[in-house]
Amino acid sequence: MQTIRDLMTENVKTIHPEEFLRVAARKMKKYNIGALPVCDGHKLRGILTDRDIVIRSDFDRVENLKVKDVMSPKIIFGYDDQNLEEAAELMQKEHIRRLPILNGENRLVGLLSLDDLVKGENELAAKTLRGIMKMHAWSVPLKALARPKIMGPSAAVLGTLAAAGAYFFWRRNHSKTSIWNRLHLKSAS
């Protein structure tokens, strides 16, 4: 039986809760990642996702926002010695796509994502994603995840990108400057 340790992503990029949101956005862009565990030293304080930035940001004061202002403070995590089925059940139950992983000393040692599950067991990944997506009326059939010959981004990634794209399209048409332009212009100075 596989454990989380077998599939998790190690050497995870993290961010401090007092860091500015623009720094987190720049880090996500640089490393092409959708989530940053929020840590104070070795203590996990929460997680910041690309969705948190889009949904929870106050766009009128985005230049001054800190990670702690928009992160998901509810700490849901797994342990590196847990089996994958337990992790998948937890991800389904909590409707999360990324699970921070701690060791026996409660230190962050990795992150388990749906993409990691796809690398290991396609059927487990599809089942997990179906459980996560149950709460969404717009959920789509996920037969493609069960077929190893299909390559490309996972349905979770595509769903997040579609939601973010729709939101930014709306913001662009209702605002002179978008959050990403503000973050980018601020970070360039």
N, C-alpha and C. Protein backbone atom coordinates (compact mmCIF):
# COMPACT_ATOMS: atom_id res chain seq x y z
N MET A 1 0.85 -1.18 0.00
CA MET A 1 0.00 0.00 0.00
C MET A 1 0.89 1.25 0.00
N GLN A 2 0.59 2.17 -0.90
CA GLN A 2 1.39 3.38 -1.02
C GLN A 2 1.05 4.38 0.08
N THR A 3 2.08 5.09 0.52
CA THR A 3 1.86 6.16 1.50
C THR A 3 1.93 7.51 0.79
N ILE A 4 1.53 8.53 1.49
CA ILE A 4 1.59 9.89 0.95
C ILE A 4 3.03 10.23 0.55
N ARG A 5 3.98 9.79 1.36
CA ARG A 5 5.40 10.07 1.12
C ARG A 5 5.83 9.62 -0.28
N ASP A 6 5.21 8.56 -0.79
CA ASP A 6 5.60 8.02 -2.10
C ASP A 6 5.26 8.94 -3.26
N LEU A 7 4.22 9.76 -3.12
CA LEU A 7 3.77 10.59 -4.24
C LEU A 7 3.83 12.08 -4.00
N MET A 8 3.96 12.52 -2.76
CA MET A 8 3.89 13.95 -2.47
C MET A 8 5.04 14.71 -3.12
N THR A 9 4.82 15.98 -3.33
CA THR A 9 5.86 16.87 -3.81
C THR A 9 6.65 17.36 -2.60
N GLU A 10 7.95 17.18 -2.65
CA GLU A 10 8.81 17.61 -1.55
C GLU A 10 9.42 18.98 -1.88
N ASN A 11 10.15 19.55 -0.93
CA ASN A 11 10.81 20.85 -1.11
C ASN A 11 9.80 21.90 -1.61
N VAL A 12 8.71 22.00 -0.90
CA VAL A 12 7.62 22.89 -1.27
C VAL A 12 8.00 24.34 -0.98
N LYS A 13 7.64 25.22 -1.91
CA LYS A 13 7.82 26.65 -1.70
C LYS A 13 6.77 27.10 -0.69
N THR A 14 7.17 27.95 0.25
CA THR A 14 6.25 28.45 1.28
C THR A 14 6.30 29.97 1.31
N ILE A 15 5.41 30.55 2.10
CA ILE A 15 5.35 32.01 2.26
C ILE A 15 5.01 32.31 3.71
N HIS A 16 5.51 33.43 4.20
CA HIS A 16 5.24 33.88 5.58
C HIS A 16 3.92 34.66 5.60
N PRO A 17 3.12 34.54 6.66
CA PRO A 17 1.83 35.22 6.71
C PRO A 17 1.93 36.75 6.63
N GLU A 18 3.05 37.33 7.02
CA GLU A 18 3.22 38.79 7.01
C GLU A 18 3.74 39.32 5.67
N GLU A 19 4.02 38.42 4.74
CA GLU A 19 4.53 38.84 3.43
C GLU A 19 3.40 39.48 2.62
N PHE A 20 3.75 40.41 1.75
CA PHE A 20 2.75 41.06 0.90
C PHE A 20 2.23 40.08 -0.14
N LEU A 21 0.97 40.23 -0.49
CA LEU A 21 0.31 39.36 -1.45
C LEU A 21 1.01 39.41 -2.81
N ARG A 22 1.51 40.55 -3.20
CA ARG A 22 2.19 40.67 -4.49
C ARG A 22 3.43 39.77 -4.53
N VAL A 23 4.11 39.59 -3.39
CA VAL A 23 5.27 38.71 -3.34
C VAL A 23 4.83 37.26 -3.55
N ALA A 24 3.71 36.89 -2.93
CA ALA A 24 3.17 35.54 -3.10
C ALA A 24 2.77 35.30 -4.55
N ALA A 25 2.09 36.27 -5.16
CA ALA A 25 1.67 36.13 -6.56
C ALA A 25 2.88 35.99 -7.47
N ARG A 26 3.92 36.78 -7.21
CA ARG A 26 5.14 36.70 -8.01
C ARG A 26 5.79 35.32 -7.87
N LYS A 27 5.79 34.79 -6.64
CA LYS A 27 6.37 33.47 -6.38
C LYS A 27 5.57 32.38 -7.09
N MET A 28 4.24 32.49 -7.05
CA MET A 28 3.40 31.51 -7.73
C MET A 28 3.66 31.52 -9.24
N LYS A 29 3.80 32.72 -9.78
CA LYS A 29 4.06 32.84 -11.21
C LYS A 29 5.44 32.29 -11.56
N LYS A 30 6.45 32.65 -10.78
CA LYS A 30 7.82 32.23 -11.05
C LYS A 30 7.96 30.71 -11.06
N TYR A 31 7.32 30.04 -10.09
CA TYR A 31 7.45 28.60 -9.96
C TYR A 31 6.29 27.83 -10.61
N ASN A 32 5.35 28.57 -11.24
CA ASN A 32 4.21 27.95 -11.91
C ASN A 32 3.45 27.02 -10.97
N ILE A 33 3.08 27.56 -9.81
CA ILE A 33 2.35 26.79 -8.81
C ILE A 33 1.06 27.51 -8.44
N GLY A 34 0.09 26.77 -7.94
CA GLY A 34 -1.21 27.33 -7.61
C GLY A 34 -1.47 27.45 -6.12
N ALA A 35 -0.50 27.04 -5.29
CA ALA A 35 -0.70 27.11 -3.84
C ALA A 35 0.64 27.26 -3.13
N LEU A 36 0.59 28.01 -2.04
CA LEU A 36 1.76 28.17 -1.17
C LEU A 36 1.33 27.89 0.27
N PRO A 37 1.92 26.88 0.91
CA PRO A 37 1.66 26.73 2.34
C PRO A 37 2.18 27.97 3.07
N VAL A 38 1.39 28.45 4.03
CA VAL A 38 1.77 29.64 4.79
C VAL A 38 2.38 29.15 6.10
N CYS A 39 3.66 29.48 6.29
CA CYS A 39 4.39 28.99 7.46
C CYS A 39 5.05 30.14 8.21
N ASP A 40 5.03 30.00 9.52
CA ASP A 40 5.75 30.91 10.41
C ASP A 40 6.85 30.06 11.02
N GLY A 41 8.05 30.18 10.46
CA GLY A 41 9.11 29.24 10.84
C GLY A 41 8.76 27.87 10.28
N HIS A 42 8.71 26.87 11.15
CA HIS A 42 8.33 25.53 10.71
C HIS A 42 6.86 25.23 10.98
N LYS A 43 6.12 26.19 11.53
CA LYS A 43 4.72 25.97 11.90
C LYS A 43 3.79 26.35 10.75
N LEU A 44 2.98 25.40 10.34
CA LEU A 44 2.00 25.63 9.28
C LEU A 44 0.86 26.47 9.83
N ARG A 45 0.58 27.61 9.17
CA ARG A 45 -0.48 28.53 9.61
C ARG A 45 -1.70 28.52 8.71
N GLY A 46 -1.56 28.01 7.49
CA GLY A 46 -2.65 28.00 6.54
C GLY A 46 -2.11 27.70 5.16
N ILE A 47 -2.91 28.01 4.15
CA ILE A 47 -2.48 27.82 2.77
C ILE A 47 -3.05 28.97 1.93
N LEU A 48 -2.29 29.41 0.97
CA LEU A 48 -2.72 30.46 0.04
C LEU A 48 -2.79 29.84 -1.34
N THR A 49 -3.97 29.92 -1.97
CA THR A 49 -4.13 29.37 -3.31
C THR A 49 -4.42 30.50 -4.30
N ASP A 50 -4.26 30.18 -5.57
CA ASP A 50 -4.59 31.15 -6.60
C ASP A 50 -6.06 31.56 -6.48
N ARG A 51 -6.90 30.63 -6.08
CA ARG A 51 -8.33 30.93 -5.91
C ARG A 51 -8.54 31.90 -4.74
N ASP A 52 -7.79 31.75 -3.66
CA ASP A 52 -7.89 32.69 -2.53
C ASP A 52 -7.60 34.11 -3.00
N ILE A 53 -6.58 34.26 -3.83
CA ILE A 53 -6.20 35.58 -4.32
C ILE A 53 -7.35 36.19 -5.12
N VAL A 54 -7.96 35.39 -5.97
CA VAL A 54 -9.03 35.89 -6.82
C VAL A 54 -10.31 36.17 -6.02
N ILE A 55 -10.69 35.28 -5.14
CA ILE A 55 -11.97 35.37 -4.43
C ILE A 55 -11.93 36.29 -3.21
N ARG A 56 -10.85 36.24 -2.44
CA ARG A 56 -10.83 36.95 -1.15
C ARG A 56 -10.13 38.30 -1.15
N SER A 57 -9.52 38.68 -2.25
CA SER A 57 -8.77 39.94 -2.27
C SER A 57 -9.70 41.14 -2.33
N ASP A 58 -9.33 42.18 -1.61
CA ASP A 58 -10.01 43.48 -1.70
C ASP A 58 -9.26 44.26 -2.77
N PHE A 59 -9.84 44.35 -3.96
CA PHE A 59 -9.13 44.90 -5.10
C PHE A 59 -8.85 46.40 -4.99
N ASP A 60 -9.53 47.07 -4.08
CA ASP A 60 -9.28 48.49 -3.89
C ASP A 60 -8.02 48.75 -3.08
N ARG A 61 -7.57 47.76 -2.34
CA ARG A 61 -6.35 47.95 -1.54
C ARG A 61 -5.36 46.79 -1.71
N VAL A 62 -5.35 46.22 -2.90
CA VAL A 62 -4.54 45.04 -3.16
C VAL A 62 -3.04 45.29 -2.94
N GLU A 63 -2.59 46.50 -3.16
CA GLU A 63 -1.16 46.79 -2.99
C GLU A 63 -0.70 46.60 -1.55
N ASN A 64 -1.60 46.77 -0.58
CA ASN A 64 -1.23 46.67 0.83
C ASN A 64 -1.65 45.37 1.49
N LEU A 65 -2.27 44.47 0.74
CA LEU A 65 -2.73 43.22 1.33
C LEU A 65 -1.57 42.31 1.68
N LYS A 66 -1.71 41.63 2.78
CA LYS A 66 -0.73 40.63 3.19
C LYS A 66 -1.32 39.25 3.01
N VAL A 67 -0.46 38.27 2.97
CA VAL A 67 -0.88 36.88 2.79
C VAL A 67 -1.92 36.50 3.84
N LYS A 68 -1.71 36.89 5.09
CA LYS A 68 -2.62 36.52 6.17
C LYS A 68 -4.03 37.07 5.95
N ASP A 69 -4.17 38.12 5.13
CA ASP A 69 -5.47 38.73 4.88
C ASP A 69 -6.35 37.89 3.95
N VAL A 70 -5.75 37.05 3.12
CA VAL A 70 -6.54 36.30 2.13
C VAL A 70 -6.32 34.79 2.16
N MET A 71 -5.37 34.31 2.95
CA MET A 71 -5.09 32.87 3.00
C MET A 71 -6.27 32.10 3.60
N SER A 72 -6.29 30.81 3.35
CA SER A 72 -7.26 29.93 4.00
C SER A 72 -6.66 29.54 5.35
N PRO A 73 -7.23 30.04 6.44
CA PRO A 73 -6.62 29.78 7.75
C PRO A 73 -6.95 28.41 8.32
N LYS A 74 -7.99 27.76 7.79
CA LYS A 74 -8.35 26.43 8.28
C LYS A 74 -7.25 25.46 7.85
N ILE A 75 -6.61 24.86 8.83
CA ILE A 75 -5.48 23.99 8.52
C ILE A 75 -5.95 22.55 8.40
N ILE A 76 -5.95 22.06 7.19
CA ILE A 76 -6.27 20.67 6.91
C ILE A 76 -4.98 20.06 6.36
N PHE A 77 -4.53 18.99 6.95
CA PHE A 77 -3.24 18.42 6.55
C PHE A 77 -3.26 16.91 6.71
N GLY A 78 -2.24 16.29 6.17
CA GLY A 78 -2.04 14.86 6.33
C GLY A 78 -0.63 14.62 6.83
N TYR A 79 -0.35 13.37 7.18
CA TYR A 79 0.99 12.98 7.62
C TYR A 79 1.65 12.13 6.55
N ASP A 80 2.95 12.26 6.43
CA ASP A 80 3.67 11.58 5.36
C ASP A 80 3.59 10.06 5.42
N ASP A 81 3.26 9.49 6.57
CA ASP A 81 3.17 8.03 6.67
C ASP A 81 1.74 7.50 6.51
N GLN A 82 0.77 8.38 6.24
CA GLN A 82 -0.61 7.95 5.99
C GLN A 82 -0.70 7.29 4.62
N ASN A 83 -1.69 6.42 4.45
CA ASN A 83 -1.85 5.82 3.12
C ASN A 83 -2.62 6.78 2.22
N LEU A 84 -2.46 6.57 0.93
CA LEU A 84 -3.05 7.48 -0.07
C LEU A 84 -4.57 7.51 -0.01
N GLU A 85 -5.19 6.38 0.29
CA GLU A 85 -6.65 6.35 0.35
C GLU A 85 -7.17 7.28 1.44
N GLU A 86 -6.51 7.30 2.59
CA GLU A 86 -6.91 8.21 3.68
C GLU A 86 -6.79 9.67 3.23
N ALA A 87 -5.69 9.98 2.55
CA ALA A 87 -5.49 11.35 2.06
C ALA A 87 -6.56 11.72 1.04
N ALA A 88 -6.86 10.80 0.14
CA ALA A 88 -7.87 11.06 -0.89
C ALA A 88 -9.25 11.27 -0.25
N GLU A 89 -9.58 10.47 0.76
CA GLU A 89 -10.86 10.64 1.46
C GLU A 89 -10.93 12.00 2.15
N LEU A 90 -9.83 12.42 2.77
CA LEU A 90 -9.79 13.72 3.43
C LEU A 90 -9.96 14.85 2.41
N MET A 91 -9.30 14.74 1.28
CA MET A 91 -9.42 15.75 0.23
C MET A 91 -10.85 15.83 -0.29
N GLN A 92 -11.50 14.67 -0.44
CA GLN A 92 -12.90 14.66 -0.87
C GLN A 92 -13.80 15.30 0.17
N LYS A 93 -13.63 14.87 1.41
CA LYS A 93 -14.49 15.36 2.49
C LYS A 93 -14.39 16.87 2.65
N GLU A 94 -13.19 17.41 2.55
CA GLU A 94 -12.95 18.83 2.77
C GLU A 94 -13.01 19.65 1.48
N HIS A 95 -13.20 18.98 0.34
CA HIS A 95 -13.28 19.65 -0.97
C HIS A 95 -12.03 20.48 -1.25
N ILE A 96 -10.87 19.86 -1.09
CA ILE A 96 -9.60 20.55 -1.35
C ILE A 96 -8.81 19.80 -2.41
N ARG A 97 -8.02 20.55 -3.16
CA ARG A 97 -7.21 19.98 -4.24
C ARG A 97 -5.76 19.79 -3.85
N ARG A 98 -5.37 20.44 -2.74
CA ARG A 98 -3.97 20.36 -2.29
C ARG A 98 -3.96 20.13 -0.79
N LEU A 99 -3.13 19.21 -0.35
CA LEU A 99 -3.08 18.84 1.06
C LEU A 99 -1.64 19.00 1.58
N PRO A 100 -1.41 19.96 2.49
CA PRO A 100 -0.07 20.06 3.10
C PRO A 100 0.23 18.79 3.89
N ILE A 101 1.47 18.35 3.84
CA ILE A 101 1.88 17.11 4.50
C ILE A 101 2.93 17.40 5.57
N LEU A 102 2.67 16.90 6.77
CA LEU A 102 3.57 17.09 7.91
C LEU A 102 4.25 15.76 8.25
N ASN A 103 5.39 15.86 8.93
CA ASN A 103 6.04 14.65 9.43
C ASN A 103 5.62 14.44 10.89
N GLY A 104 6.21 13.48 11.56
CA GLY A 104 5.88 13.16 12.95
C GLY A 104 6.18 14.28 13.93
N GLU A 105 7.03 15.22 13.53
CA GLU A 105 7.37 16.37 14.38
C GLU A 105 6.52 17.59 14.03
N ASN A 106 5.48 17.38 13.25
CA ASN A 106 4.56 18.44 12.80
C ASN A 106 5.26 19.54 12.00
N ARG A 107 6.25 19.15 11.22
CA ARG A 107 6.93 20.07 10.31
C ARG A 107 6.48 19.79 8.89
N LEU A 108 6.29 20.84 8.11
CA LEU A 108 5.89 20.69 6.72
C LEU A 108 7.00 19.99 5.94
N VAL A 109 6.63 18.89 5.28
CA VAL A 109 7.62 18.14 4.50
C VAL A 109 7.20 17.97 3.04
N GLY A 110 5.96 18.38 2.71
CA GLY A 110 5.52 18.22 1.34
C GLY A 110 4.10 18.70 1.12
N LEU A 111 3.63 18.48 -0.10
CA LEU A 111 2.28 18.86 -0.50
C LEU A 111 1.77 17.76 -1.41
N LEU A 112 0.57 17.28 -1.16
CA LEU A 112 -0.05 16.28 -2.02
C LEU A 112 -1.15 16.97 -2.80
N SER A 113 -1.08 16.89 -4.12
CA SER A 113 -2.09 17.52 -4.97
C SER A 113 -2.79 16.46 -5.81
N LEU A 114 -3.87 16.87 -6.45
CA LEU A 114 -4.55 15.95 -7.36
C LEU A 114 -3.60 15.50 -8.47
N ASP A 115 -2.74 16.39 -8.92
CA ASP A 115 -1.77 16.02 -9.95
C ASP A 115 -0.86 14.90 -9.46
N ASP A 116 -0.48 14.95 -8.18
CA ASP A 116 0.34 13.87 -7.61
C ASP A 116 -0.43 12.55 -7.63
N LEU A 117 -1.72 12.60 -7.29
CA LEU A 117 -2.54 11.39 -7.31
C LEU A 117 -2.67 10.83 -8.72
N VAL A 118 -2.75 11.72 -9.71
CA VAL A 118 -2.85 11.27 -11.10
C VAL A 118 -1.59 10.51 -11.50
N LYS A 119 -0.44 10.96 -11.02
CA LYS A 119 0.82 10.28 -11.33
C LYS A 119 0.83 8.86 -10.77
N GLY A 120 0.15 8.66 -9.64
CA GLY A 120 0.16 7.36 -8.99
C GLY A 120 -0.96 6.45 -9.43
N GLU A 121 -2.18 6.83 -9.16
CA GLU A 121 -3.34 5.99 -9.43
C GLU A 121 -4.43 6.84 -10.07
N ASN A 122 -4.66 6.65 -11.35
CA ASN A 122 -5.65 7.45 -12.05
C ASN A 122 -7.06 7.27 -11.51
N GLU A 123 -7.41 6.05 -11.14
CA GLU A 123 -8.75 5.79 -10.64
C GLU A 123 -8.96 6.49 -9.29
N LEU A 124 -7.97 6.47 -8.42
CA LEU A 124 -8.06 7.15 -7.13
C LEU A 124 -8.17 8.66 -7.34
N ALA A 125 -7.42 9.21 -8.28
CA ALA A 125 -7.49 10.64 -8.58
C ALA A 125 -8.86 11.03 -9.10
N ALA A 126 -9.41 10.23 -9.99
CA ALA A 126 -10.73 10.53 -10.54
C ALA A 126 -11.80 10.47 -9.45
N LYS A 127 -11.72 9.47 -8.60
CA LYS A 127 -12.68 9.34 -7.49
C LYS A 127 -12.57 10.52 -6.53
N THR A 128 -11.34 10.93 -6.23
CA THR A 128 -11.12 12.06 -5.33
C THR A 128 -11.68 13.34 -5.94
N LEU A 129 -11.39 13.56 -7.20
CA LEU A 129 -11.87 14.78 -7.86
C LEU A 129 -13.39 14.80 -7.94
N ARG A 130 -14.01 13.65 -8.22
CA ARG A 130 -15.47 13.60 -8.23
C ARG A 130 -16.03 13.99 -6.86
N GLY A 131 -15.39 13.51 -5.78
CA GLY A 131 -15.83 13.85 -4.43
C GLY A 131 -15.67 15.33 -4.13
N ILE A 132 -14.57 15.91 -4.58
CA ILE A 132 -14.32 17.34 -4.36
C ILE A 132 -15.35 18.17 -5.13
N MET A 133 -15.65 17.75 -6.34
CA MET A 133 -16.51 18.53 -7.21
C MET A 133 -18.00 18.33 -6.95
N LYS A 134 -18.38 17.41 -6.08
CA LYS A 134 -19.80 17.14 -5.83
C LYS A 134 -20.57 18.39 -5.47
N MET A 135 -19.96 19.28 -4.74
CA MET A 135 -20.67 20.46 -4.29
C MET A 135 -20.89 21.47 -5.42
N HIS A 136 -20.27 21.27 -6.56
CA HIS A 136 -20.40 22.21 -7.66
C HIS A 136 -21.38 21.69 -8.70
N ALA A 137 -22.39 22.46 -9.01
CA ALA A 137 -23.39 22.04 -9.98
C ALA A 137 -22.78 21.94 -11.38
N TRP A 138 -21.69 22.65 -11.64
CA TRP A 138 -21.10 22.67 -12.96
C TRP A 138 -20.07 21.58 -13.17
N SER A 139 -20.01 20.62 -12.26
CA SER A 139 -19.01 19.57 -12.39
C SER A 139 -19.25 18.77 -13.67
N VAL A 140 -18.17 18.30 -14.26
CA VAL A 140 -18.24 17.61 -15.55
C VAL A 140 -17.82 16.15 -15.39
N PRO A 141 -18.17 15.29 -16.35
CA PRO A 141 -17.73 13.90 -16.27
C PRO A 141 -16.20 13.83 -16.27
N LEU A 142 -15.65 12.93 -15.49
CA LEU A 142 -14.20 12.88 -15.33
C LEU A 142 -13.59 11.59 -15.86
N LYS A 143 -14.20 11.02 -16.89
CA LYS A 143 -13.69 9.78 -17.45
C LYS A 143 -12.27 9.95 -17.97
N ALA A 144 -11.93 11.13 -18.44
CA ALA A 144 -10.60 11.37 -19.02
C ALA A 144 -9.50 11.14 -18.00
N LEU A 145 -9.75 11.42 -16.72
CA LEU A 145 -8.71 11.21 -15.71
C LEU A 145 -8.38 9.75 -15.52
N ALA A 146 -9.32 8.86 -15.81
CA ALA A 146 -9.10 7.44 -15.62
C ALA A 146 -8.33 6.82 -16.77
N ARG A 147 -8.10 7.58 -17.85
CA ARG A 147 -7.38 7.08 -19.01
C ARG A 147 -5.95 7.60 -18.99
N PRO A 148 -4.97 6.75 -18.72
CA PRO A 148 -3.58 7.21 -18.62
C PRO A 148 -3.02 7.79 -19.91
N LYS A 149 -3.61 7.46 -21.09
CA LYS A 149 -3.05 7.95 -22.35
C LYS A 149 -3.33 9.43 -22.58
N ILE A 150 -4.26 10.02 -21.82
CA ILE A 150 -4.58 11.44 -22.00
C ILE A 150 -3.59 12.28 -21.19
N MET A 151 -2.97 13.21 -21.85
CA MET A 151 -1.98 14.06 -21.20
C MET A 151 -2.53 15.47 -21.10
N GLY A 152 -1.94 16.30 -20.25
CA GLY A 152 -2.35 17.69 -20.15
C GLY A 152 -2.82 18.02 -18.74
N PRO A 153 -3.31 19.24 -18.56
CA PRO A 153 -3.71 19.67 -17.23
C PRO A 153 -4.91 18.89 -16.70
N SER A 154 -4.97 18.73 -15.38
CA SER A 154 -6.08 18.02 -14.77
C SER A 154 -7.35 18.87 -14.81
N ALA A 155 -8.48 18.23 -14.60
CA ALA A 155 -9.76 18.94 -14.60
C ALA A 155 -9.80 19.99 -13.50
N ALA A 156 -9.15 19.71 -12.38
CA ALA A 156 -9.14 20.69 -11.28
C ALA A 156 -8.42 21.97 -11.71
N VAL A 157 -7.31 21.80 -12.38
CA VAL A 157 -6.55 22.95 -12.85
C VAL A 157 -7.37 23.72 -13.88
N LEU A 158 -7.99 23.01 -14.81
CA LEU A 158 -8.79 23.66 -15.84
C LEU A 158 -9.98 24.39 -15.23
N GLY A 159 -10.61 23.80 -14.20
CA GLY A 159 -11.74 24.45 -13.54
C GLY A 159 -11.33 25.73 -12.85
N THR A 160 -10.20 25.69 -12.16
CA THR A 160 -9.69 26.88 -11.48
C THR A 160 -9.35 27.97 -12.49
N LEU A 161 -8.71 27.57 -13.59
CA LEU A 161 -8.36 28.54 -14.62
C LEU A 161 -9.59 29.15 -15.27
N ALA A 162 -10.62 28.34 -15.50
CA ALA A 162 -11.85 28.86 -16.10
C ALA A 162 -12.53 29.86 -15.17
N ALA A 163 -12.59 29.54 -13.88
CA ALA A 163 -13.21 30.46 -12.91
C ALA A 163 -12.41 31.75 -12.82
N ALA A 164 -11.09 31.63 -12.77
CA ALA A 164 -10.25 32.82 -12.68
C ALA A 164 -10.36 33.65 -13.96
N GLY A 165 -10.40 32.98 -15.10
CA GLY A 165 -10.52 33.69 -16.37
C GLY A 165 -11.83 34.46 -16.46
N ALA A 166 -12.91 33.84 -16.04
CA ALA A 166 -14.22 34.51 -16.08
C ALA A 166 -14.22 35.72 -15.16
N TYR A 167 -13.63 35.56 -14.00
CA TYR A 167 -13.59 36.67 -13.05
C TYR A 167 -12.74 37.82 -13.60
N PHE A 168 -11.56 37.50 -14.13
CA PHE A 168 -10.69 38.56 -14.63
C PHE A 168 -11.30 39.23 -15.86
N PHE A 169 -12.02 38.48 -16.69
CA PHE A 169 -12.71 39.08 -17.81
C PHE A 169 -13.73 40.10 -17.30
N TRP A 170 -14.48 39.72 -16.28
CA TRP A 170 -15.46 40.64 -15.70
C TRP A 170 -14.76 41.86 -15.11
N ARG A 171 -13.66 41.65 -14.35
CA ARG A 171 -12.93 42.78 -13.74
C ARG A 171 -12.36 43.71 -14.80
N ARG A 172 -11.84 43.13 -15.87
CA ARG A 172 -11.24 43.95 -16.92
C ARG A 172 -12.28 44.86 -17.55
N ASN A 173 -13.48 44.37 -17.67
CA ASN A 173 -14.53 45.16 -18.28
C ASN A 173 -15.23 46.09 -17.31
N HIS A 174 -14.92 45.98 -16.02
CA HIS A 174 -15.56 46.82 -15.01
C HIS A 174 -14.55 47.64 -14.20
N SER A 175 -13.30 47.57 -14.57
CA SER A 175 -12.26 48.27 -13.82
C SER A 175 -11.15 48.66 -14.78
N LYS A 176 -10.51 49.80 -14.52
CA LYS A 176 -9.44 50.26 -15.41
C LYS A 176 -8.16 49.46 -15.24
N THR A 177 -7.93 48.96 -14.03
CA THR A 177 -6.73 48.15 -13.80
C THR A 177 -7.11 46.87 -13.10
N SER A 178 -6.52 45.78 -13.54
CA SER A 178 -6.81 44.49 -12.92
C SER A 178 -5.88 44.28 -11.73
N ILE A 179 -6.22 43.31 -10.89
CA ILE A 179 -5.39 42.99 -9.72
C ILE A 179 -4.00 42.57 -10.16
N TRP A 180 -3.92 41.76 -11.23
CA TRP A 180 -2.61 41.28 -11.66
C TRP A 180 -1.76 42.43 -12.17
N ASN A 181 -2.37 43.41 -12.88
CA ASN A 181 -1.61 44.57 -13.32
C ASN A 181 -1.12 45.36 -12.11
N ARG A 182 -1.99 45.53 -11.12
CA ARG A 182 -1.56 46.25 -9.93
C ARG A 182 -0.45 45.53 -9.21
N LEU A 183 -0.57 44.21 -9.06
CA LEU A 183 0.49 43.43 -8.40
C LEU A 183 1.79 43.51 -9.21
N HIS A 184 1.66 43.39 -10.53
CA HIS A 184 2.85 43.41 -11.38
C HIS A 184 3.52 44.77 -11.36
N LEU A 185 2.73 45.85 -11.48
CA LEU A 185 3.31 47.19 -11.47
C LEU A 185 3.97 47.50 -10.13
N LYS A 186 3.36 47.06 -9.04
CA LYS A 186 3.91 47.30 -7.71
C LYS A 186 5.21 46.52 -7.52
N SER A 187 5.22 45.27 -8.03
CA SER A 187 6.42 44.45 -7.84
C SER A 187 7.57 44.91 -8.72
N ALA A 188 7.27 45.59 -9.81
CA ALA A 188 8.32 46.05 -10.71
C ALA A 188 9.06 47.26 -10.12
N SER A 189 8.42 47.96 -9.19
CA SER A 189 9.09 49.15 -8.64
C SER A 189 10.01 48.82 -7.50
